[in-house]
Amino acid sequence: MKLVTFKMDKTNIRRVDGIVNQFSFESRTEFIRQAIRELVEEYETKLAVRKLAKIKGFAKGKNISKKEWETTREKAFKEIEASIK
């Protein structure tokens, strides 16, 4: 792991400490790691949805077969999966 340093105001430190204590996190660091993991996953999901919407928009109004749609969808899912690993 690499060290990342940042500053937080006292109000947010108190809020984090309250959550750490109430939910039995081992430390502030563990809470912050978990929060970052969850936020990154949320944004990765949003990016995946945007990619799918773009593909759907590309196909919208075009006369494509179900097989072409499925092939394109599978390709998109593979690209998205590769990008989040």
N, C-alpha and C. Protein backbone atom coordinates (compact mmCIF):
# COMPACT_ATOMS: atom_id res chain seq x y z
N MET A 1 0.84 -1.18 0.00
CA MET A 1 0.00 0.00 0.00
C MET A 1 0.88 1.24 0.00
N LYS A 2 0.34 2.29 -0.60
CA LYS A 2 1.04 3.57 -0.59
C LYS A 2 0.38 4.49 0.42
N LEU A 3 1.19 5.36 0.99
CA LEU A 3 0.71 6.32 1.98
C LEU A 3 0.09 7.52 1.27
N VAL A 4 -1.12 7.89 1.70
CA VAL A 4 -1.80 9.08 1.19
C VAL A 4 -2.11 9.95 2.40
N THR A 5 -1.75 11.21 2.32
CA THR A 5 -1.97 12.13 3.43
C THR A 5 -2.90 13.25 2.98
N PHE A 6 -3.86 13.60 3.83
CA PHE A 6 -4.74 14.72 3.53
C PHE A 6 -5.23 15.33 4.82
N LYS A 7 -5.75 16.54 4.72
CA LYS A 7 -6.26 17.25 5.90
C LYS A 7 -7.78 17.21 5.91
N MET A 8 -8.33 17.17 7.14
CA MET A 8 -9.78 17.24 7.34
C MET A 8 -10.07 18.25 8.43
N ASP A 9 -11.20 18.92 8.29
CA ASP A 9 -11.56 19.87 9.35
C ASP A 9 -12.08 19.11 10.57
N LYS A 10 -12.10 19.80 11.69
CA LYS A 10 -12.48 19.16 12.96
C LYS A 10 -13.88 18.57 12.94
N THR A 11 -14.79 19.26 12.27
CA THR A 11 -16.18 18.77 12.21
C THR A 11 -16.24 17.40 11.54
N ASN A 12 -15.57 17.26 10.41
CA ASN A 12 -15.59 15.97 9.72
C ASN A 12 -14.83 14.89 10.48
N ILE A 13 -13.79 15.26 11.18
CA ILE A 13 -13.07 14.28 12.01
C ILE A 13 -13.99 13.76 13.11
N ARG A 14 -14.75 14.65 13.74
CA ARG A 14 -15.70 14.22 14.77
C ARG A 14 -16.77 13.31 14.18
N ARG A 15 -17.25 13.64 12.98
CA ARG A 15 -18.26 12.81 12.33
C ARG A 15 -17.70 11.42 12.03
N VAL A 16 -16.49 11.37 11.49
CA VAL A 16 -15.84 10.09 11.19
C VAL A 16 -15.64 9.30 12.48
N ASP A 17 -15.14 9.96 13.52
CA ASP A 17 -14.92 9.27 14.80
C ASP A 17 -16.22 8.69 15.34
N GLY A 18 -17.32 9.42 15.21
CA GLY A 18 -18.60 8.92 15.68
C GLY A 18 -19.01 7.65 14.94
N ILE A 19 -18.83 7.65 13.64
CA ILE A 19 -19.17 6.46 12.84
C ILE A 19 -18.23 5.31 13.18
N VAL A 20 -16.95 5.61 13.31
CA VAL A 20 -15.97 4.56 13.65
C VAL A 20 -16.37 3.88 14.95
N ASN A 21 -16.74 4.67 15.94
CA ASN A 21 -17.12 4.11 17.24
C ASN A 21 -18.45 3.36 17.20
N GLN A 22 -19.44 3.91 16.51
CA GLN A 22 -20.77 3.30 16.49
C GLN A 22 -20.81 2.03 15.66
N PHE A 23 -19.97 1.94 14.64
CA PHE A 23 -20.03 0.79 13.75
C PHE A 23 -18.82 -0.13 13.87
N SER A 24 -18.07 0.03 14.91
CA SER A 24 -16.96 -0.87 15.26
C SER A 24 -15.89 -1.00 14.17
N PHE A 25 -15.59 0.10 13.48
CA PHE A 25 -14.42 0.07 12.60
C PHE A 25 -13.18 0.03 13.48
N GLU A 26 -12.13 -0.58 12.99
CA GLU A 26 -10.91 -0.68 13.79
C GLU A 26 -10.23 0.68 13.96
N SER A 27 -10.38 1.55 12.95
CA SER A 27 -9.72 2.86 13.00
C SER A 27 -10.35 3.80 11.98
N ARG A 28 -9.97 5.07 12.06
CA ARG A 28 -10.38 6.05 11.05
C ARG A 28 -9.92 5.58 9.67
N THR A 29 -8.70 5.10 9.62
CA THR A 29 -8.13 4.66 8.35
C THR A 29 -8.99 3.59 7.70
N GLU A 30 -9.42 2.61 8.48
CA GLU A 30 -10.25 1.54 7.92
C GLU A 30 -11.58 2.08 7.42
N PHE A 31 -12.17 3.01 8.16
CA PHE A 31 -13.41 3.63 7.72
C PHE A 31 -13.21 4.38 6.40
N ILE A 32 -12.15 5.17 6.32
CA ILE A 32 -11.88 5.96 5.12
C ILE A 32 -11.61 5.04 3.93
N ARG A 33 -10.85 3.97 4.13
CA ARG A 33 -10.62 3.01 3.05
C ARG A 33 -11.94 2.44 2.53
N GLN A 34 -12.81 2.03 3.45
CA GLN A 34 -14.10 1.47 3.07
C GLN A 34 -14.94 2.50 2.33
N ALA A 35 -14.96 3.72 2.81
CA ALA A 35 -15.74 4.78 2.17
C ALA A 35 -15.23 5.03 0.75
N ILE A 36 -13.93 5.04 0.58
CA ILE A 36 -13.35 5.25 -0.75
C ILE A 36 -13.69 4.08 -1.67
N ARG A 37 -13.55 2.85 -1.17
CA ARG A 37 -13.89 1.68 -1.99
C ARG A 37 -15.33 1.76 -2.49
N GLU A 38 -16.24 2.10 -1.58
CA GLU A 38 -17.65 2.16 -1.95
C GLU A 38 -17.92 3.27 -2.95
N LEU A 39 -17.29 4.42 -2.78
CA LEU A 39 -17.50 5.53 -3.70
C LEU A 39 -16.90 5.22 -5.07
N VAL A 40 -15.74 4.59 -5.10
CA VAL A 40 -15.14 4.21 -6.38
C VAL A 40 -16.04 3.22 -7.10
N GLU A 41 -16.57 2.23 -6.39
CA GLU A 41 -17.48 1.26 -7.00
C GLU A 41 -18.73 1.95 -7.54
N GLU A 42 -19.25 2.91 -6.81
CA GLU A 42 -20.43 3.65 -7.25
C GLU A 42 -20.15 4.38 -8.57
N TYR A 43 -19.00 5.05 -8.64
CA TYR A 43 -18.66 5.77 -9.87
C TYR A 43 -18.33 4.83 -11.02
N GLU A 44 -17.72 3.69 -10.73
CA GLU A 44 -17.47 2.71 -11.79
C GLU A 44 -18.79 2.18 -12.35
N THR A 45 -19.77 1.99 -11.48
CA THR A 45 -21.09 1.56 -11.94
C THR A 45 -21.73 2.63 -12.82
N LYS A 46 -21.61 3.88 -12.41
CA LYS A 46 -22.15 4.98 -13.21
C LYS A 46 -21.49 5.02 -14.59
N LEU A 47 -20.18 4.82 -14.63
CA LEU A 47 -19.48 4.80 -15.92
C LEU A 47 -19.96 3.64 -16.78
N ALA A 48 -20.18 2.49 -16.18
CA ALA A 48 -20.67 1.34 -16.93
C ALA A 48 -22.05 1.62 -17.51
N VAL A 49 -22.91 2.24 -16.72
CA VAL A 49 -24.25 2.57 -17.19
C VAL A 49 -24.17 3.56 -18.35
N ARG A 50 -23.27 4.54 -18.24
CA ARG A 50 -23.10 5.50 -19.34
C ARG A 50 -22.65 4.80 -20.62
N LYS A 51 -21.72 3.85 -20.48
CA LYS A 51 -21.25 3.12 -21.66
C LYS A 51 -22.39 2.34 -22.30
N LEU A 52 -23.19 1.68 -21.46
CA LEU A 52 -24.32 0.92 -21.99
C LEU A 52 -25.35 1.84 -22.64
N ALA A 53 -25.58 2.99 -22.04
CA ALA A 53 -26.54 3.94 -22.61
C ALA A 53 -26.04 4.44 -23.95
N LYS A 54 -24.74 4.66 -24.05
CA LYS A 54 -24.15 5.11 -25.31
C LYS A 54 -24.34 4.04 -26.39
N ILE A 55 -24.11 2.79 -26.02
CA ILE A 55 -24.29 1.70 -26.97
C ILE A 55 -25.76 1.60 -27.39
N LYS A 56 -26.64 1.71 -26.41
CA LYS A 56 -28.07 1.62 -26.70
C LYS A 56 -28.48 2.78 -27.59
N GLY A 57 -27.96 3.96 -27.30
CA GLY A 57 -28.25 5.15 -28.12
C GLY A 57 -27.73 4.98 -29.53
N PHE A 58 -26.57 4.36 -29.66
CA PHE A 58 -25.99 4.10 -30.97
C PHE A 58 -26.91 3.20 -31.78
N ALA A 59 -27.49 2.21 -31.12
CA ALA A 59 -28.35 1.25 -31.80
C ALA A 59 -29.77 1.77 -31.99
N LYS A 60 -30.14 2.77 -31.21
CA LYS A 60 -31.51 3.29 -31.25
C LYS A 60 -31.81 3.86 -32.63
N GLY A 61 -32.93 3.50 -33.14
CA GLY A 61 -33.34 4.03 -34.42
C GLY A 61 -32.72 3.30 -35.60
N LYS A 62 -31.81 2.39 -35.32
CA LYS A 62 -31.20 1.62 -36.40
C LYS A 62 -31.86 0.25 -36.44
N ASN A 63 -31.93 -0.27 -37.58
CA ASN A 63 -32.54 -1.57 -37.75
C ASN A 63 -31.46 -2.64 -37.57
N ILE A 64 -31.22 -3.03 -36.31
CA ILE A 64 -30.23 -4.06 -36.05
C ILE A 64 -30.94 -5.29 -35.52
N SER A 65 -30.34 -6.40 -35.78
CA SER A 65 -30.94 -7.65 -35.34
C SER A 65 -30.72 -7.86 -33.85
N LYS A 66 -31.50 -8.75 -33.29
CA LYS A 66 -31.33 -9.09 -31.87
C LYS A 66 -29.94 -9.66 -31.63
N LYS A 67 -29.45 -10.45 -32.58
CA LYS A 67 -28.12 -11.05 -32.44
C LYS A 67 -27.05 -9.96 -32.42
N GLU A 68 -27.17 -8.95 -33.30
CA GLU A 68 -26.21 -7.84 -33.31
C GLU A 68 -26.25 -7.08 -31.98
N TRP A 69 -27.47 -6.86 -31.47
CA TRP A 69 -27.62 -6.16 -30.19
C TRP A 69 -26.95 -6.95 -29.07
N GLU A 70 -27.21 -8.25 -29.01
CA GLU A 70 -26.63 -9.10 -27.97
C GLU A 70 -25.10 -9.14 -28.07
N THR A 71 -24.59 -9.23 -29.28
CA THR A 71 -23.14 -9.25 -29.48
C THR A 71 -22.51 -7.94 -28.98
N THR A 72 -23.13 -6.83 -29.34
CA THR A 72 -22.64 -5.52 -28.90
C THR A 72 -22.71 -5.39 -27.39
N ARG A 73 -23.81 -5.85 -26.81
CA ARG A 73 -23.99 -5.78 -25.35
C ARG A 73 -22.94 -6.62 -24.64
N GLU A 74 -22.71 -7.83 -25.11
CA GLU A 74 -21.69 -8.69 -24.50
C GLU A 74 -20.30 -8.06 -24.59
N LYS A 75 -20.00 -7.48 -25.74
CA LYS A 75 -18.70 -6.81 -25.91
C LYS A 75 -18.56 -5.67 -24.91
N ALA A 76 -19.62 -4.90 -24.75
CA ALA A 76 -19.59 -3.78 -23.81
C ALA A 76 -19.37 -4.26 -22.39
N PHE A 77 -20.07 -5.32 -21.99
CA PHE A 77 -19.90 -5.85 -20.64
C PHE A 77 -18.47 -6.33 -20.41
N LYS A 78 -17.88 -6.98 -21.40
CA LYS A 78 -16.50 -7.45 -21.27
C LYS A 78 -15.55 -6.26 -21.13
N GLU A 79 -15.76 -5.19 -21.92
CA GLU A 79 -14.92 -4.00 -21.81
C GLU A 79 -15.06 -3.36 -20.44
N ILE A 80 -16.28 -3.28 -19.96
CA ILE A 80 -16.53 -2.67 -18.65
C ILE A 80 -15.88 -3.51 -17.55
N GLU A 81 -16.06 -4.81 -17.64
CA GLU A 81 -15.46 -5.71 -16.63
C GLU A 81 -13.94 -5.58 -16.63
N ALA A 82 -13.34 -5.51 -17.80
CA ALA A 82 -11.88 -5.38 -17.89
C ALA A 82 -11.41 -4.04 -17.32
N SER A 83 -12.21 -3.00 -17.50
CA SER A 83 -11.80 -1.67 -17.04
C SER A 83 -11.88 -1.52 -15.52
N ILE A 84 -12.68 -2.35 -14.85
CA ILE A 84 -12.81 -2.21 -13.38
C ILE A 84 -11.97 -3.22 -12.63
N LYS A 85 -11.24 -4.05 -13.32
CA LYS A 85 -10.38 -5.02 -12.64
C LYS A 85 -9.03 -4.44 -12.37
